[in-house]
Amino acid sequence: MKTNLLKTKKFKYGAAGTALTIAFIAVVVIFNVIFTALAQKYMWFADMTEEKIFTLSPEAKEILSDVTEDVNIYFASEPDELLASTSLRYIYTTALQLEEAFPNITVECVDVLKNPGFFRGFYETAATDIDTTSVVVTSGDEVTVLKYTLFFVYDDTSDYSTAWAYNGEKKFVSSILQVTRSETPKVLFTTEHGENIESALALANMFGENGYTVEPVDLSKDSVDEDCRILVIYDPIYDFVGAEAEDIRFNEIEKIDDFLDGYGCLLVFCDPQNVGNLTNLNEFLEEWGISYVGGATVRDTEHSMSVDGYSIIADYQEGGAGGLYLSDISSLSSKPKAIIRKSAPIDILWATGGELNASRTVSAMLKSYPTSELVENGVPTETGAYNLLTVSREQRIVNNEHYYSYVIAAGSPSFASQTYLISNSY
């Protein structure tokens, strides 16, 4: 007797199971299509990166919290076109997050090809071209026009396919600060001590790109501007006038001290060859728990980017305040190399001390590896791990609020030189 396969329970239930599976897959596919369309339309976005690269950070929100002026961010393409481009989608997402976080920030998309007249005033103000990938940030009469490439970091700036990092948040924050000019903070570079200002241009430009106004200051004549947040001493040859000044108005060390009393930050970059000339400056730094060691240069042939062993690959520190400030970098699975060439060692005189209430703390941010050695007059004298970059912090509590002053010292100006600072490898 022949059995009709079509009428068997196995076939019936098997066919039903197959049909259900096909139907379920169809539903999932349809759901995904609908969800993707809605996500693109309404910008549903989840940052799945471990470092939350595409999420607006608390630091950015804090910096912009003081901006009260109305800010407009214009994209020169329609939303659908922005979402279709991976690069522009990232930038558009960050802009929408800014709009959501701040009621005074507005994001608008205007197709420059369909409505070129809308951007005509920005051409005249910004003196630049505007195309479909441009981003315009305005406030009042102030305008800045940004190419989309400025929101990314490239291995090769001549090849935009080599993008390896997104810095859209930083670019937007600096641009908003530039157009609002709301109490724009200043960075002052000292002059008249043989400072190598030309070599400091990369550092000055970096501050400028982050919303600071950069200016020189001659402390023998002028005091530190009250809007100054960071004072930079870069590669001085001659010492700063201290207690030997016949008139307090010419005491440069006193002016630096007054600046730090106002919760400022001092950055010092000294060359090992000139440290011996900087007696007053070094004595002042000793009050902050650090001292440059004159006449010695750190060399490490095992951890170096040069044959002579002087372009040292520094070791990120994980302990103390110095390690805390570098935690975002040191926690990465693959850390970028920090290079400092021909560095003087910096002695840490005490971990906690200074002032009568011991309110100053000192720690290393970068050190050489234990394989390094000190070289004096071309002759190695000792081996060990030496401090290359240190941070000193003073804490004060006023009306239950914590206020801080900082002194950051580098053993060589090369740490902030153009060679290393603008490199995407370091």
Protein backbone atom coordinates (compact mmCIF):
# COMPACT_ATOMS: atom_id res chain seq x y z
CA MET A 1 0.00 0.00 0.00
CA LYS A 2 1.43 3.30 -1.03
CA THR A 3 1.42 6.21 1.37
CA ASN A 4 0.61 9.67 0.03
CA LEU A 5 3.59 11.75 1.24
CA LEU A 6 1.59 14.94 1.03
CA LYS A 7 -0.89 13.62 3.61
CA THR A 8 1.65 12.39 6.20
CA LYS A 9 1.98 14.18 9.56
CA LYS A 10 5.72 14.56 9.03
CA PHE A 11 5.19 16.43 5.81
CA LYS A 12 2.32 18.51 7.13
CA TYR A 13 4.19 19.63 10.28
CA GLY A 14 7.48 19.93 8.43
CA ALA A 15 5.90 22.05 5.75
CA ALA A 16 4.22 24.18 8.39
CA GLY A 17 7.55 24.66 10.20
CA THR A 18 9.26 25.64 6.99
CA ALA A 19 6.48 28.08 6.17
CA LEU A 20 6.70 29.62 9.63
CA THR A 21 10.49 29.95 9.30
CA ILE A 22 10.16 31.64 5.92
CA ALA A 23 7.45 33.93 7.27
CA PHE A 24 9.58 34.81 10.32
CA ILE A 25 12.60 35.62 8.15
CA ALA A 26 10.40 37.76 5.92
CA VAL A 27 9.10 39.67 8.96
CA VAL A 28 12.65 40.22 10.23
CA VAL A 29 13.80 41.48 6.84
CA ILE A 30 10.81 43.82 6.55
CA PHE A 31 11.37 45.03 10.13
CA ASN A 32 15.03 45.74 9.40
CA VAL A 33 14.15 47.66 6.25
CA ILE A 34 11.56 49.75 8.10
CA PHE A 35 13.83 50.32 11.12
CA THR A 36 16.75 51.35 8.93
CA ALA A 37 14.55 53.81 7.03
CA LEU A 38 13.21 55.28 10.27
CA ALA A 39 16.70 55.40 11.82
CA GLN A 40 18.02 57.33 8.85
CA LYS A 41 15.02 59.69 8.86
CA TYR A 42 14.98 60.40 12.58
CA MET A 43 18.70 59.94 13.27
CA TRP A 44 18.33 57.07 15.74
CA PHE A 45 21.94 56.59 16.75
CA ALA A 46 23.78 54.44 19.31
CA ASP A 47 27.49 54.90 19.93
CA MET A 48 28.86 51.37 20.28
CA THR A 49 32.53 52.36 20.41
CA GLU A 50 34.28 51.61 23.69
CA GLU A 51 35.63 55.16 23.99
CA LYS A 52 32.24 56.75 23.04
CA ILE A 53 33.96 58.63 20.23
CA PHE A 54 30.72 59.84 18.66
CA THR A 55 28.92 60.81 21.88
CA LEU A 56 29.00 64.39 23.12
CA SER A 57 31.30 64.37 26.15
CA PRO A 58 30.64 66.04 29.53
CA GLU A 59 33.78 68.14 28.95
CA ALA A 60 32.37 69.58 25.73
CA LYS A 61 29.08 70.37 27.45
CA GLU A 62 30.92 72.09 30.29
CA ILE A 63 33.02 74.23 27.94
CA LEU A 64 29.97 75.36 25.95
CA SER A 65 27.77 75.91 29.01
CA ASP A 66 29.07 79.50 29.29
CA VAL A 67 28.12 80.35 25.70
CA THR A 68 24.82 82.25 25.76
CA GLU A 69 24.85 83.71 22.24
CA ASP A 70 22.70 82.10 19.55
CA VAL A 71 24.71 79.79 17.30
CA ASN A 72 23.64 78.48 13.89
CA ILE A 73 25.20 75.45 12.24
CA TYR A 74 24.40 75.17 8.53
CA PHE A 75 25.01 72.11 6.38
CA ALA A 76 25.15 72.75 2.64
CA SER A 77 23.30 69.54 1.74
CA GLU A 78 19.92 67.97 2.47
CA PRO A 79 19.66 65.57 5.47
CA ASP A 80 19.22 62.52 3.22
CA GLU A 81 22.47 63.30 1.44
CA LEU A 82 24.29 63.81 4.73
CA LEU A 83 23.05 60.48 6.05
CA ALA A 84 24.11 58.69 2.88
CA SER A 85 27.75 59.72 3.43
CA THR A 86 29.59 58.00 6.28
CA SER A 87 31.84 61.00 6.95
CA LEU A 88 29.08 63.61 6.81
CA ARG A 89 26.77 61.42 8.88
CA TYR A 90 29.25 61.53 11.79
CA ILE A 91 29.49 65.32 11.58
CA TYR A 92 25.72 65.76 11.25
CA THR A 93 25.16 63.47 14.25
CA THR A 94 27.47 65.54 16.45
CA ALA A 95 25.76 68.75 15.35
CA LEU A 96 22.32 67.35 16.23
CA GLN A 97 23.63 66.31 19.63
CA LEU A 98 24.80 69.87 20.20
CA GLU A 99 21.38 71.17 19.15
CA GLU A 100 19.67 68.79 21.57
CA ALA A 101 22.00 69.71 24.45
CA PHE A 102 21.90 73.51 24.02
CA PRO A 103 18.75 75.55 23.30
CA ASN A 104 20.84 78.35 21.76
CA ILE A 105 22.35 76.08 19.07
CA THR A 106 20.33 75.47 15.90
CA VAL A 107 21.13 73.07 13.06
CA GLU A 108 19.75 73.67 9.58
CA CYS A 109 20.31 72.01 6.20
CA VAL A 110 20.24 74.18 3.07
CA ASP A 111 21.21 72.70 -0.30
CA VAL A 112 23.82 75.06 -1.72
CA LEU A 113 23.11 73.83 -5.26
CA LYS A 114 19.41 74.64 -4.99
CA ASN A 115 19.77 77.81 -2.94
CA PRO A 116 23.24 79.31 -3.51
CA GLY A 117 22.02 82.77 -2.55
CA PHE A 118 21.51 81.66 1.05
CA PHE A 119 25.27 81.29 1.50
CA ARG A 120 26.31 84.40 -0.42
CA GLY A 121 26.88 86.46 2.72
CA PHE A 122 29.10 83.75 4.14
CA TYR A 123 31.31 83.84 1.05
CA GLU A 124 32.00 87.52 1.63
CA THR A 125 32.54 87.15 5.37
CA ALA A 126 34.61 83.98 5.43
CA ALA A 127 36.40 84.58 2.12
CA THR A 128 36.21 80.93 1.17
CA ASP A 129 34.32 78.56 -1.12
CA ILE A 130 31.27 76.66 0.06
CA ASP A 131 30.35 73.32 -1.48
CA THR A 132 27.96 70.51 -0.61
CA THR A 133 30.31 69.10 2.05
CA SER A 134 30.89 72.41 3.84
CA VAL A 135 29.72 73.24 7.36
CA VAL A 136 29.08 76.85 8.33
CA VAL A 137 29.07 77.97 11.98
CA THR A 138 27.74 81.46 12.69
CA SER A 139 26.87 83.71 15.61
CA GLY A 140 25.88 87.31 15.01
CA ASP A 141 28.26 88.70 12.39
CA GLU A 142 30.96 86.09 13.06
CA VAL A 143 31.28 83.22 10.58
CA THR A 144 33.59 80.26 10.13
CA VAL A 145 33.36 77.87 7.17
CA LEU A 146 34.66 74.34 7.70
CA LYS A 147 35.51 71.69 5.15
CA TYR A 148 34.39 68.21 6.19
CA THR A 149 38.02 67.03 6.11
CA LEU A 150 38.80 69.22 9.14
CA PHE A 151 36.64 66.94 11.29
CA PHE A 152 38.97 63.97 10.83
CA VAL A 153 42.60 63.04 11.41
CA TYR A 154 44.56 61.55 8.53
CA ASP A 155 47.72 59.51 8.21
CA ASP A 156 48.39 61.39 4.97
CA THR A 157 46.76 64.82 4.69
CA SER A 158 47.04 64.63 0.91
CA ASP A 159 45.00 61.41 0.85
CA TYR A 160 41.59 61.69 2.53
CA SER A 161 41.07 57.93 2.36
CA THR A 162 43.62 57.54 5.19
CA ALA A 163 41.31 58.95 7.91
CA TRP A 164 41.85 57.09 11.17
CA ALA A 165 40.21 59.28 13.83
CA TYR A 166 37.16 61.52 14.19
CA ASN A 167 37.55 64.81 16.08
CA GLY A 168 34.21 66.42 15.26
CA GLU A 169 33.37 67.36 18.83
CA LYS A 170 36.63 69.26 19.25
CA LYS A 171 36.18 71.04 15.91
CA PHE A 172 32.64 72.14 16.69
CA VAL A 173 33.54 73.35 20.18
CA SER A 174 36.50 75.40 18.95
CA SER A 175 34.46 76.87 16.09
CA ILE A 176 31.60 77.85 18.39
CA LEU A 177 34.03 79.53 20.78
CA GLN A 178 35.60 81.39 17.88
CA VAL A 179 32.35 82.82 16.52
CA THR A 180 30.84 83.70 19.89
CA ARG A 181 33.98 85.29 21.31
CA SER A 182 32.38 84.77 24.71
CA GLU A 183 35.19 85.61 27.14
CA THR A 184 37.65 83.99 24.76
CA PRO A 185 40.45 82.59 26.93
CA LYS A 186 44.02 83.56 26.13
CA VAL A 187 47.29 81.71 25.90
CA LEU A 188 50.33 83.94 26.36
CA PHE A 189 53.84 83.04 25.21
CA THR A 190 56.68 84.79 27.06
CA THR A 191 59.25 86.74 25.03
CA GLU A 192 62.58 88.58 25.50
CA HIS A 193 64.43 85.57 26.97
CA GLY A 194 65.68 84.16 23.68
CA GLU A 195 62.56 82.00 23.32
CA ASN A 196 62.39 80.08 20.05
CA ILE A 197 59.01 81.45 19.00
CA GLU A 198 59.29 80.08 15.45
CA SER A 199 59.60 76.53 16.75
CA ALA A 200 56.57 77.13 18.99
CA LEU A 201 54.25 77.96 16.07
CA ALA A 202 52.79 74.45 15.94
CA LEU A 203 51.92 74.66 19.64
CA ALA A 204 50.46 78.15 19.22
CA ASN A 205 48.37 76.99 16.26
CA MET A 206 47.06 74.06 18.27
CA PHE A 207 45.78 76.45 20.94
CA GLY A 208 44.26 78.67 18.28
CA GLU A 209 42.42 75.74 16.73
CA ASN A 210 40.91 74.96 20.14
CA GLY A 211 39.36 78.38 20.62
CA TYR A 212 42.13 80.28 22.43
CA THR A 213 43.47 83.69 21.53
CA VAL A 214 47.27 83.42 21.33
CA GLU A 215 49.46 86.46 22.10
CA PRO A 216 53.07 87.23 23.18
CA VAL A 217 53.83 88.86 26.52
CA ASP A 218 56.92 90.66 27.77
CA LEU A 219 56.80 90.16 31.53
CA SER A 220 59.50 92.76 32.10
CA LYS A 221 56.95 95.37 31.02
CA ASP A 222 53.49 93.84 31.27
CA SER A 223 51.55 91.74 33.74
CA VAL A 224 49.69 88.60 32.71
CA ASP A 225 46.30 89.49 31.19
CA GLU A 226 43.36 88.57 33.43
CA ASP A 227 41.82 86.59 30.54
CA CYS A 228 44.93 84.41 30.29
CA ARG A 229 44.36 80.76 31.20
CA ILE A 230 47.72 79.34 30.10
CA LEU A 231 51.17 80.91 30.23
CA VAL A 232 53.82 79.24 28.07
CA ILE A 233 57.59 79.49 28.56
CA TYR A 234 59.08 77.88 25.47
CA ASP A 235 62.80 77.24 25.13
CA PRO A 236 64.25 80.28 26.95
CA ILE A 237 67.98 80.96 26.81
CA TYR A 238 68.16 83.73 29.41
CA ASP A 239 66.80 83.77 32.92
CA PHE A 240 63.71 85.57 34.21
CA VAL A 241 64.17 88.57 36.50
CA GLY A 242 63.41 87.71 40.10
CA ALA A 243 64.09 89.21 43.53
CA GLU A 244 67.07 91.17 42.17
CA ALA A 245 64.67 93.55 40.41
CA GLU A 246 65.04 97.05 41.87
CA ASP A 247 61.36 97.71 41.22
CA ILE A 248 58.59 95.14 41.84
CA ARG A 249 57.07 96.12 38.47
CA PHE A 250 60.01 94.42 36.72
CA ASN A 251 59.97 91.21 38.79
CA GLU A 252 58.95 88.58 36.21
CA ILE A 253 59.00 85.67 38.65
CA GLU A 254 56.58 87.54 40.91
CA LYS A 255 54.22 88.08 37.98
CA ILE A 256 54.28 84.37 37.18
CA ASP A 257 53.55 83.60 40.83
CA ASP A 258 50.61 86.04 40.88
CA PHE A 259 49.24 84.44 37.72
CA LEU A 260 49.28 80.98 39.31
CA ASP A 261 47.64 82.37 42.44
CA GLY A 262 44.73 83.21 40.15
CA TYR A 263 44.25 79.54 39.23
CA GLY A 264 46.25 79.63 36.00
CA CYS A 265 48.30 76.98 34.23
CA LEU A 266 52.02 77.34 33.44
CA LEU A 267 53.68 75.27 30.71
CA VAL A 268 57.48 75.18 30.70
CA PHE A 269 59.65 73.68 27.95
CA CYS A 270 63.40 73.90 28.61
CA ASP A 271 66.43 72.76 26.65
CA PRO A 272 69.05 70.78 28.64
CA GLN A 273 71.79 73.04 27.26
CA ASN A 274 70.16 76.16 28.70
CA VAL A 275 68.89 74.89 32.04
CA GLY A 276 72.04 76.06 33.81
CA ASN A 277 71.26 79.66 32.80
CA LEU A 278 67.78 79.62 34.33
CA THR A 279 68.59 79.94 38.03
CA ASN A 280 65.62 82.08 39.04
CA LEU A 281 63.14 80.07 37.00
CA ASN A 282 64.41 76.77 38.37
CA GLU A 283 64.29 78.04 41.96
CA PHE A 284 60.69 79.09 41.39
CA LEU A 285 59.83 75.66 40.00
CA GLU A 286 61.36 74.06 43.08
CA GLU A 287 58.55 75.69 45.06
CA TRP A 288 56.25 73.53 42.94
CA GLY A 289 58.22 70.37 43.74
CA ILE A 290 60.27 70.03 40.56
CA SER A 291 63.77 70.89 39.43
CA TYR A 292 65.48 70.64 36.05
CA VAL A 293 68.79 68.78 36.20
CA GLY A 294 71.33 70.87 34.32
CA GLY A 295 74.16 69.51 32.19
CA ALA A 296 72.55 66.10 31.62
CA THR A 297 70.61 64.58 28.73
CA VAL A 298 68.59 61.36 28.76
CA ARG A 299 69.51 58.68 26.22
CA ASP A 300 67.96 55.26 25.61
CA THR A 301 69.15 53.22 22.65
CA GLU A 302 66.58 50.48 23.33
CA HIS A 303 63.56 52.81 23.33
CA SER A 304 64.31 55.43 20.73
CA MET A 305 63.18 56.58 17.30
CA SER A 306 66.71 57.65 16.33
CA VAL A 307 70.04 55.91 15.91
CA ASP A 308 71.74 58.14 18.48
CA GLY A 309 69.23 57.11 21.17
CA TYR A 310 68.18 60.66 22.08
CA SER A 311 64.69 60.65 20.46
CA ILE A 312 63.22 58.80 23.40
CA ILE A 313 59.96 56.87 23.33
CA ALA A 314 58.45 57.87 26.67
CA ASP A 315 56.62 55.59 29.09
CA TYR A 316 53.09 56.69 30.06
CA GLN A 317 52.64 56.79 33.82
CA GLU A 318 49.58 55.26 35.46
CA GLY A 319 49.91 56.43 39.06
CA GLY A 320 49.17 59.79 40.67
CA ALA A 321 47.58 62.83 39.07
CA GLY A 322 49.92 62.61 36.09
CA GLY A 323 48.66 59.14 35.25
CA LEU A 324 45.06 60.26 35.72
CA TYR A 325 45.43 63.05 33.16
CA LEU A 326 46.77 60.59 30.59
CA SER A 327 44.33 57.78 31.39
CA ASP A 328 42.36 58.20 28.15
CA ILE A 329 45.55 57.52 26.20
CA SER A 330 47.25 54.99 28.46
CA SER A 331 44.09 52.84 28.62
CA LEU A 332 44.06 52.33 24.85
CA SER A 333 45.00 48.85 23.66
CA SER A 334 47.45 50.44 21.22
CA LYS A 335 48.90 53.66 22.59
CA PRO A 336 50.44 56.29 20.30
CA LYS A 337 54.14 56.90 20.81
CA ALA A 338 55.10 59.95 22.86
CA ILE A 339 58.46 61.22 21.64
CA ILE A 340 60.74 63.71 23.39
CA ARG A 341 64.20 64.40 21.95
CA LYS A 342 67.27 65.40 23.95
CA SER A 343 65.45 65.82 27.21
CA ALA A 344 66.80 66.98 30.52
CA PRO A 345 65.76 64.85 33.49
CA ILE A 346 63.36 66.53 35.93
CA ASP A 347 63.71 65.77 39.63
CA ILE A 348 60.54 65.47 41.71
CA LEU A 349 61.48 66.94 45.09
CA TRP A 350 58.42 65.74 46.97
CA ALA A 351 55.13 64.04 46.17
CA THR A 352 53.05 66.24 48.46
CA GLY A 353 54.20 69.53 49.94
CA GLY A 354 54.80 73.17 49.14
CA GLU A 355 53.21 76.12 50.89
CA LEU A 356 52.47 75.94 54.59
CA ASN A 357 49.44 73.70 54.19
CA ALA A 358 51.10 71.19 51.85
CA SER A 359 48.48 71.91 49.18
CA ARG A 360 50.70 71.07 46.22
CA THR A 361 51.08 67.60 44.72
CA VAL A 362 53.62 66.51 42.11
CA SER A 363 53.75 63.49 39.84
CA ALA A 364 55.25 62.29 36.57
CA MET A 365 53.24 62.07 33.38
CA LEU A 366 55.98 60.66 31.14
CA LYS A 367 59.18 58.90 32.14
CA SER A 368 61.99 57.19 30.29
CA TYR A 369 62.33 53.42 30.56
CA PRO A 370 64.78 51.87 33.08
CA THR A 371 67.11 51.12 30.17
CA SER A 372 67.87 54.83 29.73
CA GLU A 373 71.02 56.57 30.89
CA LEU A 374 72.15 60.09 31.75
CA VAL A 375 74.81 61.56 29.49
CA GLU A 376 77.02 64.44 30.68
CA ASN A 377 79.59 65.92 28.29
CA GLY A 378 79.12 62.91 26.03
CA VAL A 379 79.84 60.41 28.82
CA PRO A 380 77.16 58.13 30.38
CA THR A 381 77.07 58.60 34.16
CA GLU A 382 74.17 56.49 35.45
CA THR A 383 71.14 54.46 34.36
CA GLY A 384 67.52 54.45 35.44
CA ALA A 385 64.02 55.77 34.66
CA TYR A 386 63.93 59.58 34.55
CA ASN A 387 61.06 62.07 34.59
CA LEU A 388 60.52 63.71 31.20
CA LEU A 389 57.16 65.42 31.75
CA THR A 390 55.75 66.35 35.16
CA VAL A 391 52.67 68.05 36.53
CA SER A 392 52.37 69.99 39.79
CA ARG A 393 48.95 70.94 41.11
CA GLU A 394 47.86 73.28 43.86
CA GLN A 395 44.38 72.88 45.30
CA ARG A 396 42.42 75.54 47.13
CA ILE A 397 38.97 75.34 48.63
CA VAL A 398 36.96 78.57 48.59
CA ASN A 399 33.36 78.49 49.82
CA ASN A 400 33.38 74.70 49.47
CA GLU A 401 34.45 75.00 45.83
CA HIS A 402 37.70 73.41 44.63
CA TYR A 403 40.09 75.55 42.58
CA TYR A 404 43.36 74.43 40.99
CA SER A 405 46.58 75.86 39.61
CA TYR A 406 48.96 73.80 37.47
CA VAL A 407 52.60 73.78 36.47
CA ILE A 408 53.51 71.35 33.69
CA ALA A 409 57.19 70.99 32.84
CA ALA A 410 58.77 69.20 29.87
CA GLY A 411 62.44 68.28 29.70
CA SER A 412 62.78 69.47 26.13
CA PRO A 413 61.07 71.93 23.74
CA SER A 414 61.02 69.13 21.16
CA PHE A 415 58.02 67.59 22.93
CA ALA A 416 55.87 70.41 21.46
CA SER A 417 57.85 70.91 18.26
CA GLN A 418 56.25 70.86 14.83
CA THR A 419 57.99 67.59 13.97
CA TYR A 420 56.15 65.64 16.64
CA LEU A 421 53.08 67.77 17.42
CA ILE A 422 51.53 67.75 13.94
CA SER A 423 52.49 64.16 13.23
CA ASN A 424 49.59 61.69 13.16
CA SER A 425 51.99 58.95 14.24
CA TYR A 426 52.87 60.38 17.66
